[in-house]
Amino acid sequence: MASIWAAMTIGVKEYDMPVKLKNLEKLIAILKDRKWHSSDELAANVSFRFGHTIFEARRKGYLIEKKQVAHNQFEYRLLTE
């Protein structure tokens, strides 16, 4: 597993790492109420690229559910921490 992480972080600058952790913290803080949150809300409060932050959260073991509410509009909620 460590070798996978090492391969994924090649070329990542040290100053990039805290920003990603901060975005992950923002995402979890918003979703921890376990209510549905729109992609617009997450983009405004986490990051324009919040999808990558959701990917990181899932990789760390968080279960995040996604549902489509309209054409090209989605909502997200945290199932477990």
N, C-alpha and C. Protein backbone atom coordinates (compact mmCIF):
# COMPACT_ATOMS: atom_id res chain seq x y z
N MET A 1 0.82 -1.19 0.00
CA MET A 1 0.00 0.00 0.00
C MET A 1 0.86 1.26 0.00
N ALA A 2 1.95 1.22 0.75
CA ALA A 2 2.83 2.38 0.81
C ALA A 2 3.42 2.68 -0.57
N SER A 3 3.72 1.64 -1.33
CA SER A 3 4.29 1.86 -2.64
C SER A 3 3.28 2.52 -3.59
N ILE A 4 1.99 2.18 -3.40
CA ILE A 4 0.95 2.83 -4.21
C ILE A 4 0.90 4.31 -3.87
N TRP A 5 0.91 4.65 -2.58
CA TRP A 5 0.88 6.05 -2.15
C TRP A 5 2.10 6.79 -2.67
N ALA A 6 3.28 6.15 -2.60
CA ALA A 6 4.50 6.79 -3.09
C ALA A 6 4.38 7.07 -4.58
N ALA A 7 3.83 6.13 -5.33
CA ALA A 7 3.67 6.33 -6.76
C ALA A 7 2.68 7.45 -7.06
N MET A 8 1.66 7.59 -6.21
CA MET A 8 0.64 8.62 -6.43
C MET A 8 1.15 10.00 -6.07
N THR A 9 2.14 10.10 -5.18
CA THR A 9 2.60 11.40 -4.73
C THR A 9 3.85 11.88 -5.45
N ILE A 10 4.35 11.11 -6.40
CA ILE A 10 5.53 11.54 -7.16
C ILE A 10 5.16 12.82 -7.91
N GLY A 11 5.97 13.82 -7.75
CA GLY A 11 5.73 15.10 -8.43
C GLY A 11 4.83 16.05 -7.65
N VAL A 12 4.28 15.61 -6.52
CA VAL A 12 3.45 16.48 -5.70
C VAL A 12 4.36 17.32 -4.82
N LYS A 13 4.19 18.61 -4.90
CA LYS A 13 5.02 19.52 -4.11
C LYS A 13 4.54 19.50 -2.66
N GLU A 14 5.46 19.70 -1.74
CA GLU A 14 5.12 19.65 -0.32
C GLU A 14 4.06 20.67 0.04
N TYR A 15 4.07 21.84 -0.58
CA TYR A 15 3.09 22.85 -0.21
C TYR A 15 1.70 22.52 -0.73
N ASP A 16 1.55 21.54 -1.61
CA ASP A 16 0.23 21.11 -2.07
C ASP A 16 -0.48 20.25 -1.04
N MET A 17 0.26 19.50 -0.25
CA MET A 17 -0.33 18.54 0.67
C MET A 17 -1.25 19.17 1.71
N PRO A 18 -0.86 20.24 2.43
CA PRO A 18 -1.77 20.81 3.43
C PRO A 18 -3.07 21.33 2.83
N VAL A 19 -3.03 21.85 1.62
CA VAL A 19 -4.24 22.36 0.97
C VAL A 19 -5.23 21.22 0.77
N LYS A 20 -4.76 20.07 0.32
CA LYS A 20 -5.65 18.94 0.11
C LYS A 20 -6.25 18.47 1.43
N LEU A 21 -5.44 18.41 2.47
CA LEU A 21 -5.94 18.02 3.77
C LEU A 21 -6.96 19.03 4.26
N LYS A 22 -6.70 20.28 4.03
CA LYS A 22 -7.64 21.32 4.44
C LYS A 22 -8.96 21.16 3.69
N ASN A 23 -8.91 20.87 2.38
CA ASN A 23 -10.14 20.66 1.62
C ASN A 23 -10.89 19.44 2.13
N LEU A 24 -10.16 18.40 2.48
CA LEU A 24 -10.80 17.20 3.04
C LEU A 24 -11.48 17.54 4.36
N GLU A 25 -10.82 18.31 5.19
CA GLU A 25 -11.42 18.72 6.46
C GLU A 25 -12.68 19.55 6.23
N LYS A 26 -12.65 20.45 5.26
CA LYS A 26 -13.83 21.26 4.93
C LYS A 26 -14.97 20.37 4.47
N LEU A 27 -14.68 19.42 3.59
CA LEU A 27 -15.70 18.52 3.06
C LEU A 27 -16.36 17.73 4.19
N ILE A 28 -15.56 17.14 5.06
CA ILE A 28 -16.10 16.33 6.15
C ILE A 28 -16.90 17.21 7.11
N ALA A 29 -16.44 18.41 7.38
CA ALA A 29 -17.17 19.32 8.27
C ALA A 29 -18.56 19.63 7.72
N ILE A 30 -18.67 19.79 6.40
CA ILE A 30 -19.97 20.08 5.78
C ILE A 30 -20.86 18.84 5.78
N LEU A 31 -20.30 17.70 5.41
CA LEU A 31 -21.10 16.49 5.23
C LEU A 31 -21.41 15.76 6.53
N LYS A 32 -20.75 16.09 7.63
CA LYS A 32 -20.91 15.30 8.85
C LYS A 32 -22.32 15.39 9.45
N ASP A 33 -23.14 16.32 9.01
CA ASP A 33 -24.53 16.38 9.50
C ASP A 33 -25.40 15.30 8.85
N ARG A 34 -24.83 14.59 7.86
CA ARG A 34 -25.47 13.48 7.16
C ARG A 34 -26.70 13.90 6.35
N LYS A 35 -26.82 15.19 6.06
CA LYS A 35 -27.89 15.69 5.20
C LYS A 35 -27.34 15.79 3.78
N TRP A 36 -28.23 15.91 2.81
CA TRP A 36 -27.82 16.05 1.41
C TRP A 36 -27.31 17.46 1.16
N HIS A 37 -26.21 17.56 0.40
CA HIS A 37 -25.61 18.86 0.05
C HIS A 37 -25.38 18.89 -1.45
N SER A 38 -25.73 20.00 -2.07
CA SER A 38 -25.63 20.13 -3.53
C SER A 38 -24.17 20.29 -3.96
N SER A 39 -23.94 19.94 -5.21
CA SER A 39 -22.60 20.12 -5.76
C SER A 39 -22.23 21.60 -5.81
N ASP A 40 -23.19 22.47 -6.01
CA ASP A 40 -22.91 23.91 -6.00
C ASP A 40 -22.42 24.36 -4.63
N GLU A 41 -23.04 23.86 -3.58
CA GLU A 41 -22.62 24.20 -2.22
C GLU A 41 -21.20 23.70 -1.95
N LEU A 42 -20.92 22.46 -2.36
CA LEU A 42 -19.59 21.90 -2.13
C LEU A 42 -18.53 22.64 -2.94
N ALA A 43 -18.86 23.01 -4.17
CA ALA A 43 -17.91 23.75 -5.00
C ALA A 43 -17.60 25.11 -4.38
N ALA A 44 -18.61 25.75 -3.81
CA ALA A 44 -18.42 27.07 -3.22
C ALA A 44 -17.66 27.01 -1.89
N ASN A 45 -17.86 25.95 -1.12
CA ASN A 45 -17.32 25.90 0.24
C ASN A 45 -16.11 25.00 0.42
N VAL A 46 -15.88 24.09 -0.51
CA VAL A 46 -14.73 23.19 -0.40
C VAL A 46 -13.68 23.56 -1.44
N SER A 47 -14.06 23.39 -2.69
CA SER A 47 -13.14 23.66 -3.79
C SER A 47 -13.91 23.47 -5.08
N PHE A 48 -13.51 24.17 -6.11
CA PHE A 48 -14.12 23.97 -7.42
C PHE A 48 -13.98 22.51 -7.85
N ARG A 49 -12.86 21.89 -7.47
CA ARG A 49 -12.60 20.49 -7.79
C ARG A 49 -12.94 19.59 -6.61
N PHE A 50 -14.12 19.78 -6.02
CA PHE A 50 -14.49 19.00 -4.84
C PHE A 50 -14.61 17.52 -5.15
N GLY A 51 -14.81 17.15 -6.40
CA GLY A 51 -14.90 15.73 -6.78
C GLY A 51 -13.63 14.98 -6.41
N HIS A 52 -12.50 15.62 -6.57
CA HIS A 52 -11.24 14.99 -6.20
C HIS A 52 -11.16 14.82 -4.68
N THR A 53 -11.67 15.79 -3.95
CA THR A 53 -11.68 15.70 -2.50
C THR A 53 -12.60 14.57 -2.04
N ILE A 54 -13.72 14.37 -2.73
CA ILE A 54 -14.60 13.24 -2.42
C ILE A 54 -13.86 11.94 -2.69
N PHE A 55 -13.13 11.88 -3.79
CA PHE A 55 -12.33 10.69 -4.11
C PHE A 55 -11.34 10.40 -2.98
N GLU A 56 -10.65 11.44 -2.50
CA GLU A 56 -9.68 11.27 -1.40
C GLU A 56 -10.37 10.79 -0.13
N ALA A 57 -11.55 11.34 0.17
CA ALA A 57 -12.28 10.94 1.37
C ALA A 57 -12.68 9.47 1.28
N ARG A 58 -13.16 9.05 0.13
CA ARG A 58 -13.53 7.65 -0.06
C ARG A 58 -12.31 6.74 0.08
N ARG A 59 -11.19 7.18 -0.45
CA ARG A 59 -9.96 6.40 -0.34
C ARG A 59 -9.52 6.25 1.11
N LYS A 60 -9.85 7.23 1.95
CA LYS A 60 -9.51 7.17 3.37
C LYS A 60 -10.55 6.42 4.19
N GLY A 61 -11.61 5.92 3.53
CA GLY A 61 -12.59 5.09 4.21
C GLY A 61 -13.94 5.73 4.48
N TYR A 62 -14.12 6.98 4.13
CA TYR A 62 -15.42 7.63 4.31
C TYR A 62 -16.39 7.09 3.26
N LEU A 63 -17.63 6.84 3.66
CA LEU A 63 -18.66 6.41 2.72
C LEU A 63 -19.52 7.62 2.37
N ILE A 64 -19.43 8.06 1.14
CA ILE A 64 -20.16 9.23 0.67
C ILE A 64 -21.11 8.79 -0.43
N GLU A 65 -22.38 9.08 -0.23
CA GLU A 65 -23.41 8.71 -1.18
C GLU A 65 -23.67 9.88 -2.14
N LYS A 66 -24.00 9.55 -3.37
CA LYS A 66 -24.26 10.56 -4.40
C LYS A 66 -25.61 10.22 -5.04
N LYS A 67 -26.44 11.24 -5.25
CA LYS A 67 -27.70 11.02 -5.97
C LYS A 67 -27.90 12.13 -6.99
N GLN A 68 -28.51 11.77 -8.08
CA GLN A 68 -28.81 12.75 -9.13
C GLN A 68 -30.19 13.34 -8.84
N VAL A 69 -30.27 14.67 -8.80
CA VAL A 69 -31.53 15.35 -8.50
C VAL A 69 -32.14 16.00 -9.73
N ALA A 70 -31.35 16.22 -10.75
CA ALA A 70 -31.81 16.78 -12.01
C ALA A 70 -30.73 16.49 -13.05
N HIS A 71 -30.97 16.88 -14.28
CA HIS A 71 -29.96 16.66 -15.31
C HIS A 71 -28.68 17.39 -14.92
N ASN A 72 -27.60 16.63 -14.77
CA ASN A 72 -26.28 17.17 -14.44
C ASN A 72 -26.24 17.90 -13.10
N GLN A 73 -27.14 17.56 -12.17
CA GLN A 73 -27.13 18.13 -10.83
C GLN A 73 -27.16 16.98 -9.82
N PHE A 74 -26.23 17.04 -8.87
CA PHE A 74 -26.08 15.95 -7.91
C PHE A 74 -26.03 16.49 -6.49
N GLU A 75 -26.35 15.61 -5.55
CA GLU A 75 -26.22 15.91 -4.13
C GLU A 75 -25.41 14.80 -3.48
N TYR A 76 -24.78 15.14 -2.37
CA TYR A 76 -23.89 14.22 -1.68
C TYR A 76 -24.20 14.24 -0.19
N ARG A 77 -23.97 13.08 0.47
CA ARG A 77 -24.09 13.02 1.93
C ARG A 77 -23.11 11.98 2.47
N LEU A 78 -22.72 12.20 3.70
CA LEU A 78 -21.81 11.28 4.38
C LEU A 78 -22.64 10.21 5.08
N LEU A 79 -22.31 8.95 4.81
CA LEU A 79 -23.01 7.84 5.46
C LEU A 79 -22.33 7.43 6.75
N THR A 80 -21.00 7.33 6.73
CA THR A 80 -20.24 6.95 7.93
C THR A 80 -18.95 7.75 7.99
N GLU A 81 -18.49 7.96 9.20
CA GLU A 81 -17.20 8.65 9.40
C GLU A 81 -16.10 7.66 9.60
